[in-house]
Amino acid sequence: MGELKAKDKDIVVPGEILSIGMDFLPAGGAYRDGESIIASQVGFVNISGRLIKLVPLKSRYNPRVGDIVVGKVEDITLSNWFVNINSFNMGVIPLKDGSSDYIPKGADLTQYINFGDYVVAE
């Protein structure tokens, strides 16, 4: 017997398990990984019979201080990495927070975090 982990109208984030077992079928915004159905985007859960789908949220995420975000490095300057966190503004990682190593002035910052790398930051 399958186990439903999310209820109808719940808001879920990518990677969140919606159900375990083979009793439900994934639809838009959800996918099956082994026995689990997993969310692939932020959205509202919509359960219709045996079908689980996500209705995506239309607005962009507006992070607050203390939130943990995941983003992709899209630009590097002499003292910052700019990270696309799918928000109104780019996330910025200053040189002092990019590594615990001493980074000399003018160093190649791609040695630490490169273009296209994904980062998890607070």
PDB file of N, CA and C in Angstrom:
ATOM      1  N   MET A   1       0.843  -1.185   0.000  1.00  0.00           N
ATOM      2  CA  MET A   1       0.000   0.000   0.000  1.00  0.00           C
ATOM      3  C   MET A   1       0.883   1.242   0.000  1.00  0.00           C
ATOM      4  N   GLY A   2       0.596   2.196  -0.868  1.00  0.00           N
ATOM      5  CA  GLY A   2       1.385   3.417  -0.969  1.00  0.00           C
ATOM      6  C   GLY A   2       1.107   4.380   0.164  1.00  0.00           C
ATOM      7  N   GLU A   3       2.068   5.254   0.398  1.00  0.00           N
ATOM      8  CA  GLU A   3       1.940   6.241   1.468  1.00  0.00           C
ATOM      9  C   GLU A   3       2.041   7.634   0.869  1.00  0.00           C
ATOM     10  N   LEU A   4       1.034   8.457   1.105  1.00  0.00           N
ATOM     11  CA  LEU A   4       1.009   9.824   0.622  1.00  0.00           C
ATOM     12  C   LEU A   4       1.735  10.710   1.629  1.00  0.00           C
ATOM     13  N   LYS A   5       2.784  11.410   1.194  1.00  0.00           N
ATOM     14  CA  LYS A   5       3.578  12.257   2.086  1.00  0.00           C
ATOM     15  C   LYS A   5       3.123  13.713   2.052  1.00  0.00           C
ATOM     16  N   ALA A   6       2.467  14.127   0.963  1.00  0.00           N
ATOM     17  CA  ALA A   6       1.979  15.501   0.833  1.00  0.00           C
ATOM     18  C   ALA A   6       0.466  15.478   0.662  1.00  0.00           C
ATOM     19  N   LYS A   7      -0.203  16.485   1.189  1.00  0.00           N
ATOM     20  CA  LYS A   7      -1.648  16.583   1.060  1.00  0.00           C
ATOM     21  C   LYS A   7      -1.992  17.515  -0.105  1.00  0.00           C
ATOM     22  N   ASP A   8      -3.220  17.419  -0.577  1.00  0.00           N
ATOM     23  CA  ASP A   8      -3.699  18.306  -1.624  1.00  0.00           C
ATOM     24  C   ASP A   8      -3.572  19.759  -1.155  1.00  0.00           C
ATOM     25  N   LYS A   9      -3.093  20.623  -2.016  1.00  0.00           N
ATOM     26  CA  LYS A   9      -2.914  22.068  -1.781  1.00  0.00           C
ATOM     27  C   LYS A   9      -1.684  22.412  -0.946  1.00  0.00           C
ATOM     28  N   ASP A  10      -0.865  21.420  -0.554  1.00  0.00           N
ATOM     29  CA  ASP A  10       0.403  21.704   0.131  1.00  0.00           C
ATOM     30  C   ASP A  10       1.341  22.417  -0.834  1.00  0.00           C
ATOM     31  N   ILE A  11       2.196  23.280  -0.303  1.00  0.00           N
ATOM     32  CA  ILE A  11       3.255  23.891  -1.107  1.00  0.00           C
ATOM     33  C   ILE A  11       4.509  23.066  -0.891  1.00  0.00           C
ATOM     34  N   VAL A  12       5.145  22.656  -2.005  1.00  0.00           N
ATOM     35  CA  VAL A  12       6.333  21.809  -1.927  1.00  0.00           C
ATOM     36  C   VAL A  12       7.483  22.450  -2.694  1.00  0.00           C
ATOM     37  N   VAL A  13       8.688  21.974  -2.409  1.00  0.00           N
ATOM     38  CA  VAL A  13       9.903  22.468  -3.062  1.00  0.00           C
ATOM     39  C   VAL A  13      10.558  21.325  -3.827  1.00  0.00           C
ATOM     40  N   PRO A  14      11.452  21.639  -4.785  1.00  0.00           N
ATOM     41  CA  PRO A  14      12.111  20.572  -5.542  1.00  0.00           C
ATOM     42  C   PRO A  14      12.831  19.589  -4.630  1.00  0.00           C
ATOM     43  N   GLY A  15      12.682  18.305  -4.936  1.00  0.00           N
ATOM     44  CA  GLY A  15      13.317  17.256  -4.149  1.00  0.00           C
ATOM     45  C   GLY A  15      12.451  16.695  -3.043  1.00  0.00           C
ATOM     46  N   GLU A  16      11.341  17.355  -2.755  1.00  0.00           N
ATOM     47  CA  GLU A  16      10.464  16.880  -1.682  1.00  0.00           C
ATOM     48  C   GLU A  16       9.697  15.642  -2.158  1.00  0.00           C
ATOM     49  N   ILE A  17       9.623  14.632  -1.297  1.00  0.00           N
ATOM     50  CA  ILE A  17       8.918  13.398  -1.633  1.00  0.00           C
ATOM     51  C   ILE A  17       7.415  13.621  -1.440  1.00  0.00           C
ATOM     52  N   LEU A  18       6.650  13.318  -2.499  1.00  0.00           N
ATOM     53  CA  LEU A  18       5.202  13.502  -2.465  1.00  0.00           C
ATOM     54  C   LEU A  18       4.470  12.224  -2.062  1.00  0.00           C
ATOM     55  N   SER A  19       4.981  11.071  -2.524  1.00  0.00           N
ATOM     56  CA  SER A  19       4.395   9.796  -2.128  1.00  0.00           C
ATOM     57  C   SER A  19       5.433   8.696  -2.271  1.00  0.00           C
ATOM     58  N   ILE A  20       5.202   7.609  -1.549  1.00  0.00           N
ATOM     59  CA  ILE A  20       6.058   6.430  -1.623  1.00  0.00           C
ATOM     60  C   ILE A  20       5.160   5.252  -1.989  1.00  0.00           C
ATOM     61  N   GLY A  21       5.598   4.469  -2.942  1.00  0.00           N
ATOM     62  CA  GLY A  21       4.815   3.324  -3.386  1.00  0.00           C
ATOM     63  C   GLY A  21       4.358   3.526  -4.823  1.00  0.00           C
ATOM     64  N   MET A  22       3.730   2.492  -5.359  1.00  0.00           N
ATOM     65  CA  MET A  22       3.324   2.515  -6.763  1.00  0.00           C
ATOM     66  C   MET A  22       1.831   2.796  -6.944  1.00  0.00           C
ATOM     67  N   ASP A  23       1.147   3.256  -5.888  1.00  0.00           N
ATOM     68  CA  ASP A  23      -0.286   3.505  -5.968  1.00  0.00           C
ATOM     69  C   ASP A  23      -0.635   4.791  -6.701  1.00  0.00           C
ATOM     70  N   PHE A  24       0.311   5.735  -6.799  1.00  0.00           N
ATOM     71  CA  PHE A  24       0.037   7.022  -7.442  1.00  0.00           C
ATOM     72  C   PHE A  24       0.891   7.189  -8.685  1.00  0.00           C
ATOM     73  N   LEU A  25       0.429   8.051  -9.604  1.00  0.00           N
ATOM     74  CA  LEU A  25       1.143   8.333 -10.843  1.00  0.00           C
ATOM     75  C   LEU A  25       1.585   9.786 -10.857  1.00  0.00           C
ATOM     76  N   PRO A  26       2.839  10.076 -11.285  1.00  0.00           N
ATOM     77  CA  PRO A  26       3.299  11.467 -11.357  1.00  0.00           C
ATOM     78  C   PRO A  26       2.777  12.134 -12.627  1.00  0.00           C
ATOM     79  N   ALA A  27       2.536  13.435 -12.536  1.00  0.00           N
ATOM     80  CA  ALA A  27       2.146  14.240 -13.697  1.00  0.00           C
ATOM     81  C   ALA A  27       2.998  15.505 -13.685  1.00  0.00           C
ATOM     82  N   GLY A  28       2.571  16.548 -14.378  1.00  0.00           N
ATOM     83  CA  GLY A  28       3.347  17.771 -14.529  1.00  0.00           C
ATOM     84  C   GLY A  28       3.965  18.276 -13.241  1.00  0.00           C
ATOM     85  N   GLY A  29       5.284  18.460 -13.263  1.00  0.00           N
ATOM     86  CA  GLY A  29       5.998  18.991 -12.111  1.00  0.00           C
ATOM     87  C   GLY A  29       6.445  17.944 -11.114  1.00  0.00           C
ATOM     88  N   ALA A  30       6.124  16.669 -11.367  1.00  0.00           N
ATOM     89  CA  ALA A  30       6.534  15.592 -10.466  1.00  0.00           C
ATOM     90  C   ALA A  30       7.109  14.455 -11.306  1.00  0.00           C
ATOM     91  N   TYR A  31       7.982  13.666 -10.700  1.00  0.00           N
ATOM     92  CA  TYR A  31       8.569  12.535 -11.414  1.00  0.00           C
ATOM     93  C   TYR A  31       8.764  11.361 -10.450  1.00  0.00           C
ATOM     94  N   ARG A  32       8.882  10.171 -11.035  1.00  0.00           N
ATOM     95  CA  ARG A  32       9.087   8.974 -10.232  1.00  0.00           C
ATOM     96  C   ARG A  32      10.571   8.660 -10.160  1.00  0.00           C
ATOM     97  N   ASP A  33      11.039   8.342  -8.962  1.00  0.00           N
ATOM     98  CA  ASP A  33      12.411   7.885  -8.736  1.00  0.00           C
ATOM     99  C   ASP A  33      12.311   6.638  -7.874  1.00  0.00           C
ATOM    100  N   GLY A  34      12.393   5.483  -8.513  1.00  0.00           N
ATOM    101  CA  GLY A  34      12.209   4.221  -7.787  1.00  0.00           C
ATOM    102  C   GLY A  34      10.777   4.103  -7.328  1.00  0.00           C
ATOM    103  N   GLU A  35      10.589   3.991  -6.032  1.00  0.00           N
ATOM    104  CA  GLU A  35       9.246   3.862  -5.446  1.00  0.00           C
ATOM    105  C   GLU A  35       8.619   5.214  -5.092  1.00  0.00           C
ATOM    106  N   SER A  36       9.388   6.304  -5.222  1.00  0.00           N
ATOM    107  CA  SER A  36       8.924   7.611  -4.753  1.00  0.00           C
ATOM    108  C   SER A  36       8.505   8.511  -5.904  1.00  0.00           C
ATOM    109  N   ILE A  37       7.541   9.379  -5.631  1.00  0.00           N
ATOM    110  CA  ILE A  37       7.211  10.477  -6.537  1.00  0.00           C
ATOM    111  C   ILE A  37       7.762  11.733  -5.888  1.00  0.00           C
ATOM    112  N   ILE A  38       8.548  12.501  -6.673  1.00  0.00           N
ATOM    113  CA  ILE A  38       9.297  13.631  -6.140  1.00  0.00           C
ATOM    114  C   ILE A  38       8.932  14.908  -6.897  1.00  0.00           C
ATOM    115  N   ALA A  39       8.893  16.029  -6.177  1.00  0.00           N
ATOM    116  CA  ALA A  39       8.610  17.327  -6.788  1.00  0.00           C
ATOM    117  C   ALA A  39       9.831  17.807  -7.566  1.00  0.00           C
ATOM    118  N   SER A  40       9.599  18.353  -8.760  1.00  0.00           N
ATOM    119  CA  SER A  40      10.704  18.888  -9.558  1.00  0.00           C
ATOM    120  C   SER A  40      10.701  20.409  -9.585  1.00  0.00           C
ATOM    121  N   GLN A  41       9.716  21.035  -8.939  1.00  0.00           N
ATOM    122  CA  GLN A  41       9.628  22.495  -8.926  1.00  0.00           C
ATOM    123  C   GLN A  41       8.841  22.940  -7.695  1.00  0.00           C
ATOM    124  N   VAL A  42       8.872  24.221  -7.434  1.00  0.00           N
ATOM    125  CA  VAL A  42       8.086  24.779  -6.338  1.00  0.00           C
ATOM    126  C   VAL A  42       6.652  24.915  -6.829  1.00  0.00           C
ATOM    127  N   GLY A  43       5.711  24.442  -6.037  1.00  0.00           N
ATOM    128  CA  GLY A  43       4.324  24.562  -6.462  1.00  0.00           C
ATOM    129  C   GLY A  43       3.353  23.979  -5.460  1.00  0.00           C
ATOM    130  N   PHE A  44       2.063  24.057  -5.836  1.00  0.00           N
ATOM    131  CA  PHE A  44       0.984  23.491  -5.037  1.00  0.00           C
ATOM    132  C   PHE A  44       0.729  22.058  -5.496  1.00  0.00           C
ATOM    133  N   VAL A  45       0.528  21.163  -4.550  1.00  0.00           N
ATOM    134  CA  VAL A  45       0.198  19.776  -4.877  1.00  0.00           C
ATOM    135  C   VAL A  45      -1.267  19.715  -5.293  1.00  0.00           C
ATOM    136  N   ASN A  46      -1.520  18.980  -6.383  1.00  0.00           N
ATOM    137  CA  ASN A  46      -2.885  18.747  -6.841  1.00  0.00           C
ATOM    138  C   ASN A  46      -3.049  17.242  -6.988  1.00  0.00           C
ATOM    139  N   ILE A  47      -3.907  16.649  -6.151  1.00  0.00           N
ATOM    140  CA  ILE A  47      -4.142  15.213  -6.189  1.00  0.00           C
ATOM    141  C   ILE A  47      -5.530  14.979  -6.763  1.00  0.00           C
ATOM    142  N   SER A  48      -5.559  14.239  -7.862  1.00  0.00           N
ATOM    143  CA  SER A  48      -6.819  13.932  -8.525  1.00  0.00           C
ATOM    144  C   SER A  48      -6.874  12.422  -8.743  1.00  0.00           C
ATOM    145  N   GLY A  49      -7.610  11.733  -7.887  1.00  0.00           N
ATOM    146  CA  GLY A  49      -7.645  10.273  -7.954  1.00  0.00           C
ATOM    147  C   GLY A  49      -6.278   9.707  -7.617  1.00  0.00           C
ATOM    148  N   ARG A  50      -5.654   9.012  -8.590  1.00  0.00           N
ATOM    149  CA  ARG A  50      -4.310   8.449  -8.392  1.00  0.00           C
ATOM    150  C   ARG A  50      -3.223   9.342  -8.967  1.00  0.00           C
ATOM    151  N   LEU A  51      -3.581  10.479  -9.524  1.00  0.00           N
ATOM    152  CA  LEU A  51      -2.641  11.361 -10.201  1.00  0.00           C
ATOM    153  C   LEU A  51      -2.157  12.466  -9.264  1.00  0.00           C
ATOM    154  N   ILE A  52      -0.829  12.633  -9.182  1.00  0.00           N
ATOM    155  CA  ILE A  52      -0.236  13.712  -8.381  1.00  0.00           C
ATOM    156  C   ILE A  52       0.493  14.643  -9.328  1.00  0.00           C
ATOM    157  N   LYS A  53       0.087  15.911  -9.343  1.00  0.00           N
ATOM    158  CA  LYS A  53       0.784  16.896 -10.167  1.00  0.00           C
ATOM    159  C   LYS A  53       1.009  18.160  -9.361  1.00  0.00           C
ATOM    160  N   LEU A  54       1.885  19.029  -9.885  1.00  0.00           N
ATOM    161  CA  LEU A  54       2.178  20.297  -9.223  1.00  0.00           C
ATOM    162  C   LEU A  54       1.690  21.443 -10.081  1.00  0.00           C
ATOM    163  N   VAL A  55       1.099  22.428  -9.435  1.00  0.00           N
ATOM    164  CA  VAL A  55       0.731  23.674 -10.089  1.00  0.00           C
ATOM    165  C   VAL A  55       1.818  24.671  -9.702  1.00  0.00           C
ATOM    166  N   PRO A  56       2.652  25.099 -10.678  1.00  0.00           N
ATOM    167  CA  PRO A  56       3.798  25.945 -10.328  1.00  0.00           C
ATOM    168  C   PRO A  56       3.371  27.308  -9.795  1.00  0.00           C
ATOM    169  N   LEU A  57       4.174  27.829  -8.880  1.00  0.00           N
ATOM    170  CA  LEU A  57       3.965  29.188  -8.394  1.00  0.00           C
ATOM    171  C   LEU A  57       4.466  30.153  -9.453  1.00  0.00           C
ATOM    172  N   LYS A  58       3.777  31.216  -9.687  1.00  0.00           N
ATOM    173  CA  LYS A  58       4.123  32.144 -10.760  1.00  0.00           C
ATOM    174  C   LYS A  58       5.116  33.221 -10.341  1.00  0.00           C
ATOM    175  N   SER A  59       5.199  33.499  -9.062  1.00  0.00           N
ATOM    176  CA  SER A  59       6.072  34.594  -8.627  1.00  0.00           C
ATOM    177  C   SER A  59       7.487  34.093  -8.362  1.00  0.00           C
ATOM    178  N   ARG A  60       8.406  35.027  -8.307  1.00  0.00           N
ATOM    179  CA  ARG A  60       9.795  34.685  -7.999  1.00  0.00           C
ATOM    180  C   ARG A  60       9.999  34.683  -6.487  1.00  0.00           C
ATOM    181  N   TYR A  61      10.981  33.935  -6.080  1.00  0.00           N
ATOM    182  CA  TYR A  61      11.318  33.810  -4.673  1.00  0.00           C
ATOM    183  C   TYR A  61      12.024  35.073  -4.195  1.00  0.00           C
ATOM    184  N   ASN A  62      11.633  35.586  -3.051  1.00  0.00           N
ATOM    185  CA  ASN A  62      12.270  36.750  -2.459  1.00  0.00           C
ATOM    186  C   ASN A  62      12.918  36.318  -1.151  1.00  0.00           C
ATOM    187  N   PRO A  63      14.231  36.014  -1.189  1.00  0.00           N
ATOM    188  CA  PRO A  63      14.874  35.476   0.022  1.00  0.00           C
ATOM    189  C   PRO A  63      14.972  36.505   1.137  1.00  0.00           C
ATOM    190  N   ARG A  64      14.983  35.987   2.366  1.00  0.00           N
ATOM    191  CA  ARG A  64      15.163  36.822   3.546  1.00  0.00           C
ATOM    192  C   ARG A  64      16.453  36.409   4.232  1.00  0.00           C
ATOM    193  N   VAL A  65      16.965  37.263   5.096  1.00  0.00           N
ATOM    194  CA  VAL A  65      18.186  36.968   5.834  1.00  0.00           C
ATOM    195  C   VAL A  65      17.971  35.683   6.623  1.00  0.00           C
ATOM    196  N   GLY A  66      18.933  34.766   6.496  1.00  0.00           N
ATOM    197  CA  GLY A  66      18.855  33.492   7.195  1.00  0.00           C
ATOM    198  C   GLY A  66      18.336  32.351   6.334  1.00  0.00           C
ATOM    199  N   ASP A  67      17.730  32.648   5.168  1.00  0.00           N
ATOM    200  CA  ASP A  67      17.264  31.596   4.268  1.00  0.00           C
ATOM    201  C   ASP A  67      18.449  30.890   3.630  1.00  0.00           C
ATOM    202  N   ILE A  68      18.309  29.607   3.396  1.00  0.00           N
ATOM    203  CA  ILE A  68      19.321  28.849   2.673  1.00  0.00           C
ATOM    204  C   ILE A  68      18.848  28.725   1.238  1.00  0.00           C
ATOM    205  N   VAL A  69      19.697  29.137   0.292  1.00  0.00           N
ATOM    206  CA  VAL A  69      19.337  29.143  -1.123  1.00  0.00           C
ATOM    207  C   VAL A  69      20.335  28.313  -1.931  1.00  0.00           C
ATOM    208  N   VAL A  70      19.876  27.853  -3.083  1.00  0.00           N
ATOM    209  CA  VAL A  70      20.716  27.125  -4.028  1.00  0.00           C
ATOM    210  C   VAL A  70      20.742  27.951  -5.305  1.00  0.00           C
ATOM    211  N   GLY A  71      21.926  28.160  -5.871  1.00  0.00           N
ATOM    212  CA  GLY A  71      22.025  28.951  -7.080  1.00  0.00           C
ATOM    213  C   GLY A  71      23.190  28.553  -7.938  1.00  0.00           C
ATOM    214  N   LYS A  72      23.204  29.095  -9.159  1.00  0.00           N
ATOM    215  CA  LYS A  72      24.240  28.793 -10.149  1.00  0.00           C
ATOM    216  C   LYS A  72      25.092  30.038 -10.370  1.00  0.00           C
ATOM    217  N   VAL A  73      26.417  29.882 -10.307  1.00  0.00           N
ATOM    218  CA  VAL A  73      27.341  31.000 -10.499  1.00  0.00           C
ATOM    219  C   VAL A  73      27.292  31.431 -11.968  1.00  0.00           C
ATOM    220  N   GLU A  74      26.970  32.716 -12.187  1.00  0.00           N
ATOM    221  CA  GLU A  74      26.841  33.218 -13.556  1.00  0.00           C
ATOM    222  C   GLU A  74      27.845  34.301 -13.896  1.00  0.00           C
ATOM    223  N   ASP A  75      28.459  34.932 -12.889  1.00  0.00           N
ATOM    224  CA  ASP A  75      29.436  35.987 -13.174  1.00  0.00           C
ATOM    225  C   ASP A  75      30.451  36.031 -12.041  1.00  0.00           C
ATOM    226  N   ILE A  76      31.670  36.386 -12.399  1.00  0.00           N
ATOM    227  CA  ILE A  76      32.746  36.510 -11.411  1.00  0.00           C
ATOM    228  C   ILE A  76      33.469  37.819 -11.682  1.00  0.00           C
ATOM    229  N   THR A  77      33.659  38.632 -10.628  1.00  0.00           N
ATOM    230  CA  THR A  77      34.437  39.866 -10.746  1.00  0.00           C
ATOM    231  C   THR A  77      35.727  39.686  -9.946  1.00  0.00           C
ATOM    232  N   LEU A  78      36.436  40.766  -9.713  1.00  0.00           N
ATOM    233  CA  LEU A  78      37.682  40.680  -8.949  1.00  0.00           C
ATOM    234  C   LEU A  78      37.468  40.310  -7.484  1.00  0.00           C
ATOM    235  N   SER A  79      36.271  40.608  -6.957  1.00  0.00           N
ATOM    236  CA  SER A  79      36.067  40.365  -5.534  1.00  0.00           C
ATOM    237  C   SER A  79      34.725  39.723  -5.180  1.00  0.00           C
ATOM    238  N   ASN A  80      33.951  39.268  -6.170  1.00  0.00           N
ATOM    239  CA  ASN A  80      32.633  38.688  -5.900  1.00  0.00           C
ATOM    240  C   ASN A  80      32.291  37.587  -6.895  1.00  0.00           C
ATOM    241  N   TRP A  81      31.420  36.688  -6.445  1.00  0.00           N
ATOM    242  CA  TRP A  81      30.762  35.742  -7.335  1.00  0.00           C
ATOM    243  C   TRP A  81      29.299  36.146  -7.364  1.00  0.00           C
ATOM    244  N   PHE A  82      28.691  36.185  -8.540  1.00  0.00           N
ATOM    245  CA  PHE A  82      27.280  36.513  -8.676  1.00  0.00           C
ATOM    246  C   PHE A  82      26.526  35.231  -9.008  1.00  0.00           C
ATOM    247  N   VAL A  83      25.504  34.937  -8.202  1.00  0.00           N
ATOM    248  CA  VAL A  83      24.810  33.656  -8.256  1.00  0.00           C
ATOM    249  C   VAL A  83      23.340  33.873  -8.619  1.00  0.00           C
ATOM    250  N   ASN A  84      22.869  33.141  -9.630  1.00  0.00           N
ATOM    251  CA  ASN A  84      21.463  33.197 -10.005  1.00  0.00           C
ATOM    252  C   ASN A  84      20.686  32.296  -9.053  1.00  0.00           C
ATOM    253  N   ILE A  85      19.859  32.911  -8.207  1.00  0.00           N
ATOM    254  CA  ILE A  85      19.053  32.161  -7.250  1.00  0.00           C
ATOM    255  C   ILE A  85      17.578  32.205  -7.642  1.00  0.00           C
ATOM    256  N   ASN A  86      17.325  32.546  -8.905  1.00  0.00           N
ATOM    257  CA  ASN A  86      15.964  32.645  -9.441  1.00  0.00           C
ATOM    258  C   ASN A  86      15.117  33.592  -8.606  1.00  0.00           C
ATOM    259  N   SER A  87      15.680  34.753  -8.345  1.00  0.00           N
ATOM    260  CA  SER A  87      15.015  35.786  -7.572  1.00  0.00           C
ATOM    261  C   SER A  87      15.058  37.088  -8.364  1.00  0.00           C
ATOM    262  N   PHE A  88      14.551  38.148  -7.778  1.00  0.00           N
ATOM    263  CA  PHE A  88      14.570  39.450  -8.439  1.00  0.00           C
ATOM    264  C   PHE A  88      16.003  39.952  -8.619  1.00  0.00           C
ATOM    265  N   ASN A  89      16.846  39.639  -7.666  1.00  0.00           N
ATOM    266  CA  ASN A  89      18.249  40.060  -7.709  1.00  0.00           C
ATOM    267  C   ASN A  89      19.162  38.840  -7.688  1.00  0.00           C
ATOM    268  N   MET A  90      20.374  39.047  -8.163  1.00  0.00           N
ATOM    269  CA  MET A  90      21.379  37.992  -8.087  1.00  0.00           C
ATOM    270  C   MET A  90      21.870  37.887  -6.649  1.00  0.00           C
ATOM    271  N   GLY A  91      22.247  36.684  -6.244  1.00  0.00           N
ATOM    272  CA  GLY A  91      22.921  36.503  -4.970  1.00  0.00           C
ATOM    273  C   GLY A  91      24.382  36.892  -5.144  1.00  0.00           C
ATOM    274  N   VAL A  92      24.986  37.463  -4.124  1.00  0.00           N
ATOM    275  CA  VAL A  92      26.386  37.887  -4.202  1.00  0.00           C
ATOM    276  C   VAL A  92      27.169  37.189  -3.091  1.00  0.00           C
ATOM    277  N   ILE A  93      28.269  36.550  -3.486  1.00  0.00           N
ATOM    278  CA  ILE A  93      29.181  35.954  -2.503  1.00  0.00           C
ATOM    279  C   ILE A  93      30.450  36.786  -2.533  1.00  0.00           C
ATOM    280  N   PRO A  94      30.690  37.578  -1.481  1.00  0.00           N
ATOM    281  CA  PRO A  94      31.917  38.371  -1.455  1.00  0.00           C
ATOM    282  C   PRO A  94      33.143  37.487  -1.267  1.00  0.00           C
ATOM    283  N   LEU A  95      34.284  38.004  -1.645  1.00  0.00           N
ATOM    284  CA  LEU A  95      35.551  37.283  -1.587  1.00  0.00           C
ATOM    285  C   LEU A  95      35.804  36.675  -0.210  1.00  0.00           C
ATOM    286  N   LYS A  96      35.524  37.426   0.847  1.00  0.00           N
ATOM    287  CA  LYS A  96      35.801  36.951   2.205  1.00  0.00           C
ATOM    288  C   LYS A  96      34.936  35.758   2.600  1.00  0.00           C
ATOM    289  N   ASP A  97      33.770  35.580   1.951  1.00  0.00           N
ATOM    290  CA  ASP A  97      32.877  34.470   2.283  1.00  0.00           C
ATOM    291  C   ASP A  97      32.971  33.304   1.304  1.00  0.00           C
ATOM    292  N   GLY A  98      33.741  33.467   0.228  1.00  0.00           N
ATOM    293  CA  GLY A  98      33.823  32.436  -0.800  1.00  0.00           C
ATOM    294  C   GLY A  98      34.722  31.269  -0.449  1.00  0.00           C
ATOM    295  N   SER A  99      35.631  31.454   0.494  1.00  0.00           N
ATOM    296  CA  SER A  99      36.546  30.383   0.874  1.00  0.00           C
ATOM    297  C   SER A  99      37.140  30.701   2.243  1.00  0.00           C
ATOM    298  N   SER A 100      37.522  29.662   2.946  1.00  0.00           N
ATOM    299  CA  SER A 100      38.199  29.875   4.233  1.00  0.00           C
ATOM    300  C   SER A 100      39.696  30.083   4.022  1.00  0.00           C
ATOM    301  N   ASP A 101      40.180  29.832   2.779  1.00  0.00           N
ATOM    302  CA  ASP A 101      41.588  30.063   2.445  1.00  0.00           C
ATOM    303  C   ASP A 101      41.850  31.556   2.270  1.00  0.00           C
ATOM    304  N   TYR A 102      43.116  31.943   2.445  1.00  0.00           N
ATOM    305  CA  TYR A 102      43.506  33.310   2.119  1.00  0.00           C
ATOM    306  C   TYR A 102      43.564  33.421   0.600  1.00  0.00           C
ATOM    307  N   ILE A 103      42.871  34.413   0.056  1.00  0.00           N
ATOM    308  CA  ILE A 103      42.858  34.618  -1.391  1.00  0.00           C
ATOM    309  C   ILE A 103      43.576  35.936  -1.672  1.00  0.00           C
ATOM    310  N   PRO A 104      44.743  35.891  -2.308  1.00  0.00           N
ATOM    311  CA  PRO A 104      45.477  37.130  -2.574  1.00  0.00           C
ATOM    312  C   PRO A 104      44.766  38.001  -3.615  1.00  0.00           C
ATOM    313  N   LYS A 105      45.040  39.297  -3.553  1.00  0.00           N
ATOM    314  CA  LYS A 105      44.444  40.240  -4.484  1.00  0.00           C
ATOM    315  C   LYS A 105      44.825  39.862  -5.924  1.00  0.00           C
ATOM    316  N   GLY A 106      43.823  39.843  -6.808  1.00  0.00           N
ATOM    317  CA  GLY A 106      44.066  39.544  -8.211  1.00  0.00           C
ATOM    318  C   GLY A 106      44.133  38.053  -8.528  1.00  0.00           C
ATOM    319  N   ALA A 107      43.849  37.192  -7.552  1.00  0.00           N
ATOM    320  CA  ALA A 107      43.903  35.744  -7.776  1.00  0.00           C
ATOM    321  C   ALA A 107      42.783  35.306  -8.719  1.00  0.00           C
ATOM    322  N   ASP A 108      42.972  34.169  -9.352  1.00  0.00           N
ATOM    323  CA  ASP A 108      41.967  33.595 -10.230  1.00  0.00           C
ATOM    324  C   ASP A 108      40.889  32.946  -9.361  1.00  0.00           C
ATOM    325  N   LEU A 109      39.720  33.588  -9.279  1.00  0.00           N
ATOM    326  CA  LEU A 109      38.666  33.113  -8.382  1.00  0.00           C
ATOM    327  C   LEU A 109      38.015  31.824  -8.873  1.00  0.00           C
ATOM    328  N   THR A 110      38.233  31.461 -10.138  1.00  0.00           N
ATOM    329  CA  THR A 110      37.643  30.219 -10.650  1.00  0.00           C
ATOM    330  C   THR A 110      38.302  28.985 -10.027  1.00  0.00           C
ATOM    331  N   GLN A 111      39.425  29.166  -9.326  1.00  0.00           N
ATOM    332  CA  GLN A 111      40.039  28.051  -8.600  1.00  0.00           C
ATOM    333  C   GLN A 111      39.173  27.617  -7.419  1.00  0.00           C
ATOM    334  N   TYR A 112      38.356  28.525  -6.924  1.00  0.00           N
ATOM    335  CA  TYR A 112      37.540  28.278  -5.744  1.00  0.00           C
ATOM    336  C   TYR A 112      36.101  27.936  -6.126  1.00  0.00           C
ATOM    337  N   ILE A 113      35.466  28.842  -6.861  1.00  0.00           N
ATOM    338  CA  ILE A 113      34.108  28.623  -7.366  1.00  0.00           C
ATOM    339  C   ILE A 113      34.117  29.069  -8.820  1.00  0.00           C
ATOM    340  N   ASN A 114      33.709  28.184  -9.732  1.00  0.00           N
ATOM    341  CA  ASN A 114      33.820  28.449 -11.166  1.00  0.00           C
ATOM    342  C   ASN A 114      32.455  28.782 -11.771  1.00  0.00           C
ATOM    343  N   PHE A 115      32.471  29.319 -12.997  1.00  0.00           N
ATOM    344  CA  PHE A 115      31.239  29.569 -13.734  1.00  0.00           C
ATOM    345  C   PHE A 115      30.454  28.271 -13.868  1.00  0.00           C
ATOM    346  N   GLY A 116      29.152  28.341 -13.654  1.00  0.00           N
ATOM    347  CA  GLY A 116      28.306  27.171 -13.805  1.00  0.00           C
ATOM    348  C   GLY A 116      28.232  26.275 -12.585  1.00  0.00           C
ATOM    349  N   ASP A 117      29.068  26.526 -11.575  1.00  0.00           N
ATOM    350  CA  ASP A 117      29.001  25.738 -10.334  1.00  0.00           C
ATOM    351  C   ASP A 117      27.709  26.086  -9.592  1.00  0.00           C
ATOM    352  N   TYR A 118      27.171  25.101  -8.911  1.00  0.00           N
ATOM    353  CA  TYR A 118      26.013  25.330  -8.049  1.00  0.00           C
ATOM    354  C   TYR A 118      26.504  25.464  -6.611  1.00  0.00           C
ATOM    355  N   VAL A 119      25.937  26.421  -5.890  1.00  0.00           N
ATOM    356  CA  VAL A 119      26.339  26.652  -4.503  1.00  0.00           C
ATOM    357  C   VAL A 119      25.101  26.657  -3.605  1.00  0.00           C
ATOM    358  N   VAL A 120      25.308  26.280  -2.367  1.00  0.00           N
ATOM    359  CA  VAL A 120      24.283  26.357  -1.333  1.00  0.00           C
ATOM    360  C   VAL A 120      24.806  27.372  -0.335  1.00  0.00           C
ATOM    361  N   ALA A 121      24.026  28.404  -0.074  1.00  0.00           N
ATOM    362  CA  ALA A 121      24.505  29.479   0.808  1.00  0.00           C
ATOM    363  C   ALA A 121      23.369  30.005   1.679  1.00  0.00           C
ATOM    364  N   GLU A 122      23.756  30.639   2.778  1.00  0.00           N
ATOM    365  CA  GLU A 122      22.774  31.283   3.648  1.00  0.00           C
ATOM    366  C   GLU A 122      22.860  32.776   3.435  1.00  0.00           C
TER     367      GLU A 122
END
